[in-house]
C-alpha atoms as a PDB file:
ATOM      1  CA  MET A   1     112.140 127.883 113.309  1.00  0.00           C
ATOM      2  CA  LEU A   2     109.383 126.485 115.761  1.00  0.00           C
ATOM      3  CA  PHE A   3     109.039 123.124 117.760  1.00  0.00           C
ATOM      4  CA  LYS A   4     105.213 122.336 118.330  1.00  0.00           C
ATOM      5  CA  ASP A   5     103.855 118.755 119.262  1.00  0.00           C
ATOM      6  CA  GLY A   6     107.248 117.079 118.328  1.00  0.00           C
ATOM      7  CA  PHE A   7     107.471 118.438 115.195  1.00  0.00           C
ATOM      8  CA  LEU A   8     109.808 121.362 113.741  1.00  0.00           C
ATOM      9  CA  TYR A   9     108.242 123.971 111.681  1.00  0.00           C
ATOM     10  CA  LYS A  10     110.538 125.896 109.420  1.00  0.00           C
ATOM     11  CA  THR A  11     109.967 128.273 106.312  1.00  0.00           C
ATOM     12  CA  VAL A  12     111.653 126.997 103.441  1.00  0.00           C
ATOM     13  CA  SER A  13     111.505 128.093  99.707  1.00  0.00           C
ATOM     14  CA  MET A  14     108.807 126.539  97.296  1.00  0.00           C
ATOM     15  CA  LYS A  15     111.847 125.513  95.126  1.00  0.00           C
ATOM     16  CA  SER A  16     113.364 123.319  97.718  1.00  0.00           C
ATOM     17  CA  ILE A  17     110.215 121.072  97.763  1.00  0.00           C
ATOM     18  CA  SER A  18     109.434 118.181  95.498  1.00  0.00           C
ATOM     19  CA  ALA A  19     105.754 116.790  95.542  1.00  0.00           C
ATOM     20  CA  GLN A  20     106.312 114.257  92.419  1.00  0.00           C
ATOM     21  CA  ASN A  21     105.684 110.822  92.969  1.00  0.00           C
ATOM     22  CA  ILE A  22     104.691 110.974  96.698  1.00  0.00           C
ATOM     23  CA  LYS A  23     102.930 107.790  97.953  1.00  0.00           C
ATOM     24  CA  LEU A  24     101.636 108.172 101.631  1.00  0.00           C
ATOM     25  CA  THR A  25     100.720 105.122 103.560  1.00  0.00           C
ATOM     26  CA  LEU A  26      97.539 105.374 105.587  1.00  0.00           C
ATOM     27  CA  ASP A  27      99.606 105.968 108.975  1.00  0.00           C
ATOM     28  CA  GLU A  28     101.164 109.016 107.383  1.00  0.00           C
ATOM     29  CA  LEU A  29      97.708 110.439 106.300  1.00  0.00           C
ATOM     30  CA  LYS A  30      96.309 110.052 109.735  1.00  0.00           C
ATOM     31  CA  LYS A  31      99.282 111.464 111.351  1.00  0.00           C
ATOM     32  CA  PHE A  32      99.136 114.746 109.363  1.00  0.00           C
ATOM     33  CA  TRP A  33      95.705 114.936 108.360  1.00  0.00           C
ATOM     34  CA  SER A  34      93.248 116.648 110.623  1.00  0.00           C
ATOM     35  CA  PRO A  35      89.614 118.184 109.517  1.00  0.00           C
ATOM     36  CA  SER A  36      89.045 121.520 109.219  1.00  0.00           C
ATOM     37  CA  ASN A  37      85.852 123.761 108.343  1.00  0.00           C
ATOM     38  CA  ASN A  38      86.585 123.279 104.484  1.00  0.00           C
ATOM     39  CA  GLU A  39      85.183 119.529 104.456  1.00  0.00           C
ATOM     40  CA  GLU A  40      84.707 119.694 100.592  1.00  0.00           C
ATOM     41  CA  GLY A  41      88.506 120.365 100.121  1.00  0.00           C
ATOM     42  CA  GLU A  42      89.564 117.895 102.521  1.00  0.00           C
ATOM     43  CA  ILE A  43      87.513 115.156 100.588  1.00  0.00           C
ATOM     44  CA  VAL A  44      88.935 116.230  97.267  1.00  0.00           C
ATOM     45  CA  GLY A  45      92.464 116.282  98.752  1.00  0.00           C
ATOM     46  CA  LEU A  46      92.051 112.660 100.520  1.00  0.00           C
ATOM     47  CA  SER A  47      90.522 111.194  97.259  1.00  0.00           C
ATOM     48  CA  THR A  48      93.464 112.648  95.398  1.00  0.00           C
ATOM     49  CA  LEU A  49      96.018 111.007  97.430  1.00  0.00           C
ATOM     50  CA  PHE A  50      94.320 107.654  97.563  1.00  0.00           C
ATOM     51  CA  ALA A  51      93.358 108.035  93.641  1.00  0.00           C
ATOM     52  CA  ASN A  52      97.045 108.297  92.879  1.00  0.00           C
ATOM     53  CA  ARG A  53      97.970 104.773  94.481  1.00  0.00           C
ATOM     54  CA  GLU A  54      98.910 102.332  92.518  1.00  0.00           C
ATOM     55  CA  ASN A  55      97.310  99.482  94.295  1.00  0.00           C
ATOM     56  CA  THR A  56      93.810 100.786  93.772  1.00  0.00           C
ATOM     57  CA  HIS A  57      92.096  97.904  92.109  1.00  0.00           C
ATOM     58  CA  PHE A  58      88.247  97.570  91.357  1.00  0.00           C
ATOM     59  CA  MET A  59      86.394  94.464  90.708  1.00  0.00           C
ATOM     60  CA  LYS A  60      83.007  93.934  89.441  1.00  0.00           C
ATOM     61  CA  GLY A  61      80.419  94.680  92.119  1.00  0.00           C
ATOM     62  CA  ASP A  62      82.430  97.129  94.199  1.00  0.00           C
ATOM     63  CA  ALA A  63      80.481 100.146  95.377  1.00  0.00           C
ATOM     64  CA  VAL A  64      81.943 103.213  94.220  1.00  0.00           C
ATOM     65  CA  ILE A  65      81.669 107.161  94.207  1.00  0.00           C
ATOM     66  CA  VAL A  66      82.948 109.406  91.631  1.00  0.00           C
ATOM     67  CA  VAL A  67      85.525 111.963  93.818  1.00  0.00           C
ATOM     68  CA  LYS A  68      86.444 114.294  90.397  1.00  0.00           C
ATOM     69  CA  GLY A  69      84.965 115.943  87.339  1.00  0.00           C
ATOM     70  CA  ASP A  70      81.462 116.677  86.211  1.00  0.00           C
ATOM     71  CA  LEU A  71      79.907 113.721  87.827  1.00  0.00           C
ATOM     72  CA  LYS A  72      81.352 114.167  91.299  1.00  0.00           C
ATOM     73  CA  ASN A  73      79.153 112.525  94.102  1.00  0.00           C
ATOM     74  CA  LEU A  74      77.628 110.265  91.772  1.00  0.00           C
ATOM     75  CA  LYS A  75      77.376 106.319  93.345  1.00  0.00           C
ATOM     76  CA  GLY A  76      77.197 103.162  91.486  1.00  0.00           C
ATOM     77  CA  TRP A  77      78.434  99.712  91.108  1.00  0.00           C
ATOM     78  CA  VAL A  78      81.499  98.419  89.192  1.00  0.00           C
ATOM     79  CA  GLU A  79      80.142  96.361  86.226  1.00  0.00           C
ATOM     80  CA  LYS A  80      83.373  95.891  84.153  1.00  0.00           C
ATOM     81  CA  VAL A  81      87.040  97.048  84.085  1.00  0.00           C
ATOM     82  CA  GLU A  82      89.048  98.016  81.059  1.00  0.00           C
ATOM     83  CA  GLU A  83      92.731  99.231  81.806  1.00  0.00           C
ATOM     84  CA  VAL A  84      92.079 102.848  83.008  1.00  0.00           C
ATOM     85  CA  ASN A  85      88.067 103.255  82.470  1.00  0.00           C
ATOM     86  CA  VAL A  86      85.595 101.382  84.922  1.00  0.00           C
ATOM     87  CA  HIS A  87      82.382 100.817  83.793  1.00  0.00           C
ATOM     88  CA  ILE A  88      79.874 101.689  86.408  1.00  0.00           C
ATOM     89  CA  ARG A  89      76.129 100.532  86.907  1.00  0.00           C
ATOM     90  CA  LEU A  90      74.060 103.321  88.172  1.00  0.00           C
ATOM     91  CA  ASP A  91      70.408 103.342  89.814  1.00  0.00           C
ATOM     92  CA  MET A  92      69.272 106.146  88.116  1.00  0.00           C
ATOM     93  CA  LYS A  93      66.900 105.649  85.137  1.00  0.00           C
ATOM     94  CA  CYS A  94      67.951 109.046  83.196  1.00  0.00           C
ATOM     95  CA  LEU A  95      71.308 107.861  82.808  1.00  0.00           C
ATOM     96  CA  PRO A  96      72.544 105.128  80.501  1.00  0.00           C
ATOM     97  CA  LYS A  97      72.767 101.481  82.137  1.00  0.00           C
ATOM     98  CA  THR A  98      76.777 101.648  82.560  1.00  0.00           C
ATOM     99  CA  LEU A  99      78.927 104.619  82.282  1.00  0.00           C
ATOM    100  CA  ALA A 100      82.519 104.800  81.625  1.00  0.00           C
ATOM    101  CA  VAL A 101      84.667 106.792  84.328  1.00  0.00           C
ATOM    102  CA  ASN A 102      88.399 107.043  84.410  1.00  0.00           C
ATOM    103  CA  GLU A 103      89.713 104.774  87.463  1.00  0.00           C
ATOM    104  CA  LYS A 104      91.517 107.829  88.900  1.00  0.00           C
ATOM    105  CA  GLU A 105      88.102 110.042  89.221  1.00  0.00           C
ATOM    106  CA  LEU A 106      86.730 107.126  91.258  1.00  0.00           C
ATOM    107  CA  CYS A 107      86.977 106.008  95.109  1.00  0.00           C
ATOM    108  CA  LYS A 108      85.534 102.882  96.457  1.00  0.00           C
ATOM    109  CA  ASN A 109      82.370 103.513  98.709  1.00  0.00           C
ATOM    110  CA  PHE A 110      81.810 102.113 102.149  1.00  0.00           C
ATOM    111  CA  GLU A 111      78.741 102.342 104.254  1.00  0.00           C
ATOM    112  CA  PRO A 112      78.344 101.563 107.903  1.00  0.00           C
ATOM    113  CA  ALA A 113      77.922  97.669 108.602  1.00  0.00           C
ATOM    114  CA  ASN A 114      79.863  96.827 105.325  1.00  0.00           C
ATOM    115  CA  HIS A 115      82.328  93.774 106.183  1.00  0.00           C
ATOM    116  CA  VAL A 116      85.798  94.727 104.805  1.00  0.00           C
ATOM    117  CA  LYS A 117      89.356  93.153 104.519  1.00  0.00           C
ATOM    118  CA  VAL A 118      92.531  95.356 104.922  1.00  0.00           C
ATOM    119  CA  VAL A 119      94.847  94.837 101.748  1.00  0.00           C
ATOM    120  CA  SER A 120      97.530  96.727 102.948  1.00  0.00           C
ATOM    121  CA  GLY A 121      99.418  98.449 105.571  1.00  0.00           C
ATOM    122  CA  THR A 122     100.384  97.308 109.124  1.00  0.00           C
ATOM    123  CA  LYS A 123      96.906  95.657 109.565  1.00  0.00           C
ATOM    124  CA  GLU A 124      97.073  93.801 106.457  1.00  0.00           C
ATOM    125  CA  GLY A 125      94.905  90.918 105.929  1.00  0.00           C
ATOM    126  CA  ALA A 126      92.773  91.938 109.138  1.00  0.00           C
ATOM    127  CA  THR A 127      88.850  91.704 108.495  1.00  0.00           C
ATOM    128  CA  GLY A 128      86.423  93.850 110.193  1.00  0.00           C
ATOM    129  CA  MET A 129      83.130  95.777 110.079  1.00  0.00           C
ATOM    130  CA  VAL A 130      82.705  99.394 109.147  1.00  0.00           C
ATOM    131  CA  VAL A 131      81.584 101.440 112.052  1.00  0.00           C
ATOM    132  CA  LYS A 132      82.031 104.838 110.768  1.00  0.00           C
ATOM    133  CA  VAL A 133      83.086 106.751 107.565  1.00  0.00           C
ATOM    134  CA  GLU A 134      84.543 109.925 107.862  1.00  0.00           C
ATOM    135  CA  GLN A 135      85.558 111.898 104.708  1.00  0.00           C
ATOM    136  CA  HIS A 136      86.747 108.642 103.015  1.00  0.00           C
ATOM    137  CA  VAL A 137      88.267 107.600 106.034  1.00  0.00           C
ATOM    138  CA  LEU A 138      86.908 104.387 107.708  1.00  0.00           C
ATOM    139  CA  ILE A 139      86.667 103.460 111.441  1.00  0.00           C
ATOM    140  CA  ILE A 140      86.654  99.807 111.518  1.00  0.00           C
ATOM    141  CA  LEU A 141      85.801  96.989 114.541  1.00  0.00           C
ATOM    142  CA  LEU A 142      88.677  94.503 113.526  1.00  0.00           C
ATOM    143  CA  VAL A 143      87.501  91.038 114.014  1.00  0.00           C
ATOM    144  CA  LEU A 144      90.499  88.880 116.192  1.00  0.00           C
ATOM    145  CA  CYS A 145      90.688  85.441 116.356  1.00  0.00           C
ATOM    146  CA  ASN A 146      93.239  83.303 118.306  1.00  0.00           C
END
């Protein structure tokens, strides 16, 4: 056993760990996730966590990026949503007008200066501007009104 930064580190058997149906909050992700040299692996890890959340809803016009599969890193805009498939419109002339992608393979895509609204968590309902995007984590300047 080892205590470090207020946490207890202990070696346990893998049989005693259950990783089924885990739904992390953004605060938990920020607390335990730290960037490493393996940026590719971290992006996939975070994208997978967010893709497994039940509250992920795509609407027509949302900017999205493919985070898994053969089309990874392909960007587009939501054209139509059908149950688990999302039809995205691409700028590329060599691909069809719309492409059907499973929603679990997509993540919303944000750029600095985008105006956003927080839809869940401790800051739910707050609006602001995206200042920085770090591996699918947004730094937002919140608009506070009295």
